[in-house]
Amino acid sequence: DVFVSEMNKGIHQQSSSLQMENTYIPELLDGSEEGL
């Protein structure tokens, strides 16, 4: 319950011990990636 509460506070930018940092990676590989 405490972990859920801290996650919700962090994701809504309220005071929390969890940073819940946005990495700005909105998707994973889709199989089209080519090259170096």
All heavy atoms as atom14 arrays in JSON, in Angstrom:
{
  "sequence": "DVFVSEMNKGIHQQSSSLQMENTYIPELLDGSEEGL",
  "atom14_mask": [
    [1, 1, 1, 1, 1, 1, 1, 1, 0, 0, 0, 0, 0, 0],
    [1, 1, 1, 1, 1, 1, 1, 0, 0, 0, 0, 0, 0, 0],
    [1, 1, 1, 1, 1, 1, 1, 1, 1, 1, 1, 0, 0, 0],
    [1, 1, 1, 1, 1, 1, 1, 0, 0, 0, 0, 0, 0, 0],
    [1, 1, 1, 1, 1, 1, 0, 0, 0, 0, 0, 0, 0, 0],
    [1, 1, 1, 1, 1, 1, 1, 1, 1, 0, 0, 0, 0, 0],
    [1, 1, 1, 1, 1, 1, 1, 1, 0, 0, 0, 0, 0, 0],
    [1, 1, 1, 1, 1, 1, 1, 1, 0, 0, 0, 0, 0, 0],
    [1, 1, 1, 1, 1, 1, 1, 1, 1, 0, 0, 0, 0, 0],
    [1, 1, 1, 1, 0, 0, 0, 0, 0, 0, 0, 0, 0, 0],
    [1, 1, 1, 1, 1, 1, 1, 1, 0, 0, 0, 0, 0, 0],
    [1, 1, 1, 1, 1, 1, 1, 1, 1, 1, 0, 0, 0, 0],
    [1, 1, 1, 1, 1, 1, 1, 1, 1, 0, 0, 0, 0, 0],
    [1, 1, 1, 1, 1, 1, 1, 1, 1, 0, 0, 0, 0, 0],
    [1, 1, 1, 1, 1, 1, 0, 0, 0, 0, 0, 0, 0, 0],
    [1, 1, 1, 1, 1, 1, 0, 0, 0, 0, 0, 0, 0, 0],
    [1, 1, 1, 1, 1, 1, 0, 0, 0, 0, 0, 0, 0, 0],
    [1, 1, 1, 1, 1, 1, 1, 1, 0, 0, 0, 0, 0, 0],
    [1, 1, 1, 1, 1, 1, 1, 1, 1, 0, 0, 0, 0, 0],
    [1, 1, 1, 1, 1, 1, 1, 1, 0, 0, 0, 0, 0, 0],
    [1, 1, 1, 1, 1, 1, 1, 1, 1, 0, 0, 0, 0, 0],
    [1, 1, 1, 1, 1, 1, 1, 1, 0, 0, 0, 0, 0, 0],
    [1, 1, 1, 1, 1, 1, 1, 0, 0, 0, 0, 0, 0, 0],
    [1, 1, 1, 1, 1, 1, 1, 1, 1, 1, 1, 1, 0, 0],
    [1, 1, 1, 1, 1, 1, 1, 1, 0, 0, 0, 0, 0, 0],
    [1, 1, 1, 1, 1, 1, 1, 0, 0, 0, 0, 0, 0, 0],
    [1, 1, 1, 1, 1, 1, 1, 1, 1, 0, 0, 0, 0, 0],
    [1, 1, 1, 1, 1, 1, 1, 1, 0, 0, 0, 0, 0, 0],
    [1, 1, 1, 1, 1, 1, 1, 1, 0, 0, 0, 0, 0, 0],
    [1, 1, 1, 1, 1, 1, 1, 1, 0, 0, 0, 0, 0, 0],
    [1, 1, 1, 1, 0, 0, 0, 0, 0, 0, 0, 0, 0, 0],
    [1, 1, 1, 1, 1, 1, 0, 0, 0, 0, 0, 0, 0, 0],
    [1, 1, 1, 1, 1, 1, 1, 1, 1, 0, 0, 0, 0, 0],
    [1, 1, 1, 1, 1, 1, 1, 1, 1, 0, 0, 0, 0, 0],
    [1, 1, 1, 1, 0, 0, 0, 0, 0, 0, 0, 0, 0, 0],
    [1, 1, 1, 1, 1, 1, 1, 1, 0, 0, 0, 0, 0, 0]
  ],
  "atom14_positions": [
    [[0.83, -1.21, 0.0], [0.0, 0.0, 0.0], [0.87, 1.26, 0.0], [0.57, 2.23, -0.7], [-0.93, 0.01, 1.21], [-2.03, -1.05, 1.13], [-2.26, -1.57, 0.01], [-2.63, -1.36, 2.17], [0.0, 0.0, 0.0], [0.0, 0.0, 0.0], [0.0, 0.0, 0.0], [0.0, 0.0, 0.0], [0.0, 0.0, 0.0], [0.0, 0.0, 0.0]],
    [[1.94, 1.23, 0.8], [2.83, 2.4, 0.88], [3.55, 2.62, -0.45], [3.7, 3.75, -0.91], [3.84, 2.21, 2.04], [4.91, 3.31, 1.99], [3.14, 2.24, 3.38], [0.0, 0.0, 0.0], [0.0, 0.0, 0.0], [0.0, 0.0, 0.0], [0.0, 0.0, 0.0], [0.0, 0.0, 0.0], [0.0, 0.0, 0.0], [0.0, 0.0, 0.0]],
    [[3.99, 1.52, -1.08], [4.68, 1.64, -2.38], [3.74, 2.21, -3.44], [4.13, 3.1, -4.21], [5.21, 0.27, -2.8], [6.12, 0.29, -4.01], [7.28, 1.04, -4.01], [5.81, -0.45, -5.13], [8.13, 1.06, -5.11], [6.65, -0.45, -6.25], [7.8, 0.31, -6.23], [0.0, 0.0, 0.0], [0.0, 0.0, 0.0], [0.0, 0.0, 0.0]],
    [[2.5, 1.74, -3.47], [1.5, 2.28, -4.4], [1.3, 3.77, -4.16], [1.3, 4.57, -5.1], [0.15, 1.53, -4.25], [-0.95, 2.27, -5.02], [0.27, 0.1, -4.76], [0.0, 0.0, 0.0], [0.0, 0.0, 0.0], [0.0, 0.0, 0.0], [0.0, 0.0, 0.0], [0.0, 0.0, 0.0], [0.0, 0.0, 0.0], [0.0, 0.0, 0.0]],
    [[1.17, 4.16, -2.9], [0.97, 5.57, -2.56], [2.15, 6.43, -2.99], [1.97, 7.51, -3.58], [0.76, 5.69, -1.05], [0.71, 7.04, -0.66], [0.0, 0.0, 0.0], [0.0, 0.0, 0.0], [0.0, 0.0, 0.0], [0.0, 0.0, 0.0], [0.0, 0.0, 0.0], [0.0, 0.0, 0.0], [0.0, 0.0, 0.0], [0.0, 0.0, 0.0]],
    [[3.36, 5.97, -2.73], [4.56, 6.73, -3.1], [4.7, 6.84, -4.61], [5.11, 7.88, -5.14], [5.81, 6.09, -2.49], [5.92, 6.23, -0.99], [6.18, 7.65, -0.54], [7.32, 8.12, -0.64], [5.21, 8.3, -0.09], [0.0, 0.0, 0.0], [0.0, 0.0, 0.0], [0.0, 0.0, 0.0], [0.0, 0.0, 0.0], [0.0, 0.0, 0.0]],
    [[4.36, 5.75, -5.34], [4.4, 5.8, -6.8], [3.42, 6.84, -7.34], [3.75, 7.64, -8.21], [4.09, 4.43, -7.39], [5.21, 3.41, -7.28], [4.79, 1.85, -8.09], [4.86, 2.34, -9.81], [0.0, 0.0, 0.0], [0.0, 0.0, 0.0], [0.0, 0.0, 0.0], [0.0, 0.0, 0.0], [0.0, 0.0, 0.0], [0.0, 0.0, 0.0]],
    [[2.2, 6.8, -6.81], [1.18, 7.74, -7.29], [1.57, 9.19, -7.01], [1.39, 10.07, -7.85], [-0.17, 7.41, -6.65], [-0.81, 6.18, -7.25], [-0.58, 5.86, -8.41], [-1.6, 5.47, -6.46], [0.0, 0.0, 0.0], [0.0, 0.0, 0.0], [0.0, 0.0, 0.0], [0.0, 0.0, 0.0], [0.0, 0.0, 0.0], [0.0, 0.0, 0.0]],
    [[2.12, 9.43, -5.83], [2.57, 10.79, -5.5], [3.7, 11.21, -6.43], [3.71, 12.34, -6.94], [3.03, 10.85, -4.05], [1.9, 10.79, -3.04], [2.44, 10.75, -1.61], [1.3, 10.63, -0.6], [1.83, 10.47, 0.77], [0.0, 0.0, 0.0], [0.0, 0.0, 0.0], [0.0, 0.0, 0.0], [0.0, 0.0, 0.0], [0.0, 0.0, 0.0]],
    [[4.65, 10.31, -6.66], [5.78, 10.64, -7.52], [5.37, 10.92, -8.95], [5.86, 11.86, -9.58], [0.0, 0.0, 0.0], [0.0, 0.0, 0.0], [0.0, 0.0, 0.0], [0.0, 0.0, 0.0], [0.0, 0.0, 0.0], [0.0, 0.0, 0.0], [0.0, 0.0, 0.0], [0.0, 0.0, 0.0], [0.0, 0.0, 0.0], [0.0, 0.0, 0.0]],
    [[4.44, 10.11, -9.49], [4.02, 10.27, -10.88], [3.22, 11.56, -11.06], [3.19, 12.13, -12.15], [3.2, 9.04, -11.35], [3.36, 8.81, -12.87], [1.74, 9.14, -10.99], [4.59, 8.1, -13.28], [0.0, 0.0, 0.0], [0.0, 0.0, 0.0], [0.0, 0.0, 0.0], [0.0, 0.0, 0.0], [0.0, 0.0, 0.0], [0.0, 0.0, 0.0]],
    [[2.59, 12.03, -9.96], [1.82, 13.28, -10.02], [2.63, 14.46, -9.48], [2.06, 15.51, -9.16], [0.51, 13.13, -9.25], [-0.44, 12.15, -9.87], [-0.85, 12.22, -11.17], [-1.03, 11.03, -9.36], [-1.66, 11.22, -11.45], [-1.78, 10.48, -10.37], [0.0, 0.0, 0.0], [0.0, 0.0, 0.0], [0.0, 0.0, 0.0], [0.0, 0.0, 0.0]],
    [[3.93, 14.27, -9.35], [4.86, 15.32, -8.94], [4.56, 15.89, -7.57], [4.76, 17.08, -7.3], [4.91, 16.44, -10.01], [5.45, 15.95, -11.35], [5.72, 17.11, -12.31], [4.82, 17.58, -12.96], [6.96, 17.55, -12.36], [0.0, 0.0, 0.0], [0.0, 0.0, 0.0], [0.0, 0.0, 0.0], [0.0, 0.0, 0.0], [0.0, 0.0, 0.0]],
    [[4.05, 15.03, -6.7], [3.88, 15.41, -5.3], [5.06, 14.88, -4.5], [5.84, 14.08, -4.99], [2.56, 14.82, -4.77], [1.32, 15.32, -5.49], [0.1, 14.49, -5.18], [0.12, 13.62, -4.31], [-1.0, 14.74, -5.9], [0.0, 0.0, 0.0], [0.0, 0.0, 0.0], [0.0, 0.0, 0.0], [0.0, 0.0, 0.0], [0.0, 0.0, 0.0]],
    [[5.19, 15.34, -3.26], [6.31, 14.93, -2.43], [6.29, 13.42, -2.21], [5.3, 12.85, -1.75], [6.24, 15.64, -1.08], [7.31, 15.24, -0.25], [0.0, 0.0, 0.0], [0.0, 0.0, 0.0], [0.0, 0.0, 0.0], [0.0, 0.0, 0.0], [0.0, 0.0, 0.0], [0.0, 0.0, 0.0], [0.0, 0.0, 0.0], [0.0, 0.0, 0.0]],
    [[7.4, 12.75, -2.56], [7.49, 11.29, -2.49], [8.95, 10.89, -2.38], [9.84, 11.61, -2.81], [6.87, 10.67, -3.75], [7.13, 9.27, -3.81], [0.0, 0.0, 0.0], [0.0, 0.0, 0.0], [0.0, 0.0, 0.0], [0.0, 0.0, 0.0], [0.0, 0.0, 0.0], [0.0, 0.0, 0.0], [0.0, 0.0, 0.0], [0.0, 0.0, 0.0]],
    [[9.18, 9.69, -1.8], [10.55, 9.17, -1.77], [10.92, 8.52, -3.09], [12.08, 8.15, -3.29], [10.7, 8.16, -0.62], [9.81, 7.06, -0.79], [0.0, 0.0, 0.0], [0.0, 0.0, 0.0], [0.0, 0.0, 0.0], [0.0, 0.0, 0.0], [0.0, 0.0, 0.0], [0.0, 0.0, 0.0], [0.0, 0.0, 0.0], [0.0, 0.0, 0.0]],
    [[9.96, 8.38, -4.01], [10.21, 7.81, -5.32], [10.25, 8.91, -6.38], [9.29, 9.67, -6.52], [9.13, 6.78, -5.68], [9.04, 5.57, -4.75], [7.88, 4.68, -5.15], [10.34, 4.79, -4.73], [0.0, 0.0, 0.0], [0.0, 0.0, 0.0], [0.0, 0.0, 0.0], [0.0, 0.0, 0.0], [0.0, 0.0, 0.0], [0.0, 0.0, 0.0]],
    [[11.36, 8.97, -7.1], [11.56, 10.04, -8.09], [10.65, 9.88, -9.3], [10.22, 10.86, -9.89], [13.03, 10.04, -8.53], [13.48, 11.29, -9.26], [14.99, 11.3, -9.45], [15.74, 10.88, -8.56], [15.45, 11.76, -10.61], [0.0, 0.0, 0.0], [0.0, 0.0, 0.0], [0.0, 0.0, 0.0], [0.0, 0.0, 0.0], [0.0, 0.0, 0.0]],
    [[10.35, 8.63, -9.7], [9.46, 8.33, -10.83], [9.85, 9.17, -12.05], [9.05, 9.9, -12.63], [8.0, 8.58, -10.44], [7.53, 7.76, -9.25], [7.51, 5.98, -9.55], [6.05, 5.84, -10.58], [0.0, 0.0, 0.0], [0.0, 0.0, 0.0], [0.0, 0.0, 0.0], [0.0, 0.0, 0.0], [0.0, 0.0, 0.0], [0.0, 0.0, 0.0]],
    [[11.12, 9.05, -12.43], [11.69, 9.9, -13.48], [11.21, 9.47, -14.87], [11.26, 8.3, -15.23], [13.22, 9.81, -13.42], [13.95, 10.81, -14.27], [13.83, 12.23, -13.75], [13.79, 12.44, -12.54], [13.79, 13.14, -14.61], [0.0, 0.0, 0.0], [0.0, 0.0, 0.0], [0.0, 0.0, 0.0], [0.0, 0.0, 0.0], [0.0, 0.0, 0.0]],
    [[10.74, 10.44, -15.64], [10.36, 10.19, -17.03], [11.63, 10.03, -17.86], [12.47, 10.94, -17.92], [9.54, 11.37, -17.55], [8.99, 11.15, -18.94], [9.33, 10.19, -19.62], [8.12, 12.04, -19.39], [0.0, 0.0, 0.0], [0.0, 0.0, 0.0], [0.0, 0.0, 0.0], [0.0, 0.0, 0.0], [0.0, 0.0, 0.0], [0.0, 0.0, 0.0]],
    [[11.8, 8.88, -18.51], [12.98, 8.66, -19.35], [12.8, 9.2, -20.77], [13.76, 9.26, -21.54], [13.3, 7.15, -19.47], [12.25, 6.52, -20.21], [13.44, 6.5, -18.1], [0.0, 0.0, 0.0], [0.0, 0.0, 0.0], [0.0, 0.0, 0.0], [0.0, 0.0, 0.0], [0.0, 0.0, 0.0], [0.0, 0.0, 0.0], [0.0, 0.0, 0.0]],
    [[11.54, 9.52, -21.12], [11.19, 9.99, -22.47], [11.44, 8.93, -23.54], [11.59, 9.24, -24.71], [11.91, 11.3, -22.81], [11.5, 12.44, -21.92], [12.21, 12.73, -20.75], [10.38, 13.22, -22.21], [11.82, 13.77, -19.91], [9.97, 14.25, -21.38], [10.7, 14.52, -20.22], [10.3, 15.54, -19.4], [0.0, 0.0, 0.0], [0.0, 0.0, 0.0]],
    [[11.47, 7.67, -23.12], [11.53, 6.56, -24.09], [10.11, 6.01, -24.21], [9.66, 5.28, -23.33], [12.51, 5.46, -23.64], [13.92, 6.05, -23.47], [12.53, 4.32, -24.64], [14.92, 5.1, -22.85], [0.0, 0.0, 0.0], [0.0, 0.0, 0.0], [0.0, 0.0, 0.0], [0.0, 0.0, 0.0], [0.0, 0.0, 0.0], [0.0, 0.0, 0.0]],
    [[9.39, 6.38, -25.29], [7.96, 6.08, -25.35], [7.61, 4.74, -25.98], [6.43, 4.4, -26.07], [7.42, 7.23, -26.21], [8.55, 7.51, -27.15], [9.83, 7.22, -26.4], [0.0, 0.0, 0.0], [0.0, 0.0, 0.0], [0.0, 0.0, 0.0], [0.0, 0.0, 0.0], [0.0, 0.0, 0.0], [0.0, 0.0, 0.0], [0.0, 0.0, 0.0]],
    [[8.6, 4.02, -26.43], [8.32, 2.72, -27.04], [9.61, 1.92, -27.13], [10.71, 2.46, -26.93], [7.73, 2.91, -28.44], [8.57, 3.76, -29.36], [7.82, 4.21, -30.61], [6.83, 4.96, -30.49], [8.24, 3.78, -31.69], [0.0, 0.0, 0.0], [0.0, 0.0, 0.0], [0.0, 0.0, 0.0], [0.0, 0.0, 0.0], [0.0, 0.0, 0.0]],
    [[9.47, 0.64, -27.41], [10.64, -0.23, -27.53], [10.95, -0.44, -29.01], [10.36, 0.19, -29.88], [10.36, -1.54, -26.81], [10.01, -1.38, -25.32], [9.64, -2.71, -24.69], [11.16, -0.73, -24.56], [0.0, 0.0, 0.0], [0.0, 0.0, 0.0], [0.0, 0.0, 0.0], [0.0, 0.0, 0.0], [0.0, 0.0, 0.0], [0.0, 0.0, 0.0]],
    [[11.91, -1.3, -29.3], [12.28, -1.53, -30.69], [11.11, -2.18, -31.44], [10.38, -3.01, -30.89], [13.52, -2.42, -30.77], [14.79, -1.72, -30.25], [15.21, -2.3, -28.93], [15.91, -1.81, -31.26], [0.0, 0.0, 0.0], [0.0, 0.0, 0.0], [0.0, 0.0, 0.0], [0.0, 0.0, 0.0], [0.0, 0.0, 0.0], [0.0, 0.0, 0.0]],
    [[10.94, -1.81, -32.71], [9.83, -2.36, -33.49], [10.28, -3.28, -34.62], [9.47, -3.76, -35.42], [8.95, -1.24, -34.05], [9.66, -0.36, -35.08], [10.82, -0.68, -35.44], [9.07, 0.64, -35.5], [0.0, 0.0, 0.0], [0.0, 0.0, 0.0], [0.0, 0.0, 0.0], [0.0, 0.0, 0.0], [0.0, 0.0, 0.0], [0.0, 0.0, 0.0]],
    [[11.59, -3.55, -34.71], [12.1, -4.45, -35.73], [12.54, -3.77, -37.01], [13.07, -4.42, -37.91], [0.0, 0.0, 0.0], [0.0, 0.0, 0.0], [0.0, 0.0, 0.0], [0.0, 0.0, 0.0], [0.0, 0.0, 0.0], [0.0, 0.0, 0.0], [0.0, 0.0, 0.0], [0.0, 0.0, 0.0], [0.0, 0.0, 0.0], [0.0, 0.0, 0.0]],
    [[12.34, -2.45, -37.08], [12.73, -1.73, -38.3], [14.13, -1.14, -38.2], [14.65, -0.62, -39.19], [11.73, -0.61, -38.58], [11.82, 0.4, -37.58], [0.0, 0.0, 0.0], [0.0, 0.0, 0.0], [0.0, 0.0, 0.0], [0.0, 0.0, 0.0], [0.0, 0.0, 0.0], [0.0, 0.0, 0.0], [0.0, 0.0, 0.0], [0.0, 0.0, 0.0]],
    [[14.74, -1.21, -37.02], [16.02, -0.54, -36.8], [17.15, -1.24, -37.56], [17.32, -2.46, -37.47], [16.35, -0.51, -35.3], [15.36, 0.28, -34.45], [14.11, -0.53, -34.1], [14.09, -1.76, -34.37], [13.18, 0.06, -33.54], [0.0, 0.0, 0.0], [0.0, 0.0, 0.0], [0.0, 0.0, 0.0], [0.0, 0.0, 0.0], [0.0, 0.0, 0.0]],
    [[17.91, -0.45, -38.3], [19.03, -0.97, -39.09], [20.25, -0.07, -38.89], [20.12, 1.11, -38.59], [18.67, -0.96, -40.59], [17.42, -1.72, -40.97], [17.66, -3.22, -41.14], [18.83, -3.6, -41.36], [16.68, -3.98, -41.05], [0.0, 0.0, 0.0], [0.0, 0.0, 0.0], [0.0, 0.0, 0.0], [0.0, 0.0, 0.0], [0.0, 0.0, 0.0]],
    [[21.44, -0.65, -39.05], [22.64, 0.18, -39.09], [23.5, 0.11, -37.85], [23.37, -0.79, -37.01], [0.0, 0.0, 0.0], [0.0, 0.0, 0.0], [0.0, 0.0, 0.0], [0.0, 0.0, 0.0], [0.0, 0.0, 0.0], [0.0, 0.0, 0.0], [0.0, 0.0, 0.0], [0.0, 0.0, 0.0], [0.0, 0.0, 0.0], [0.0, 0.0, 0.0]],
    [[24.39, 1.1, -37.74], [25.4, 1.14, -36.69], [25.04, 2.15, -35.61], [24.65, 3.29, -35.91], [26.76, 1.51, -37.3], [27.3, 0.56, -38.37], [28.53, 1.17, -39.05], [27.64, -0.8, -37.77], [0.0, 0.0, 0.0], [0.0, 0.0, 0.0], [0.0, 0.0, 0.0], [0.0, 0.0, 0.0], [0.0, 0.0, 0.0], [0.0, 0.0, 0.0]]
  ]
}
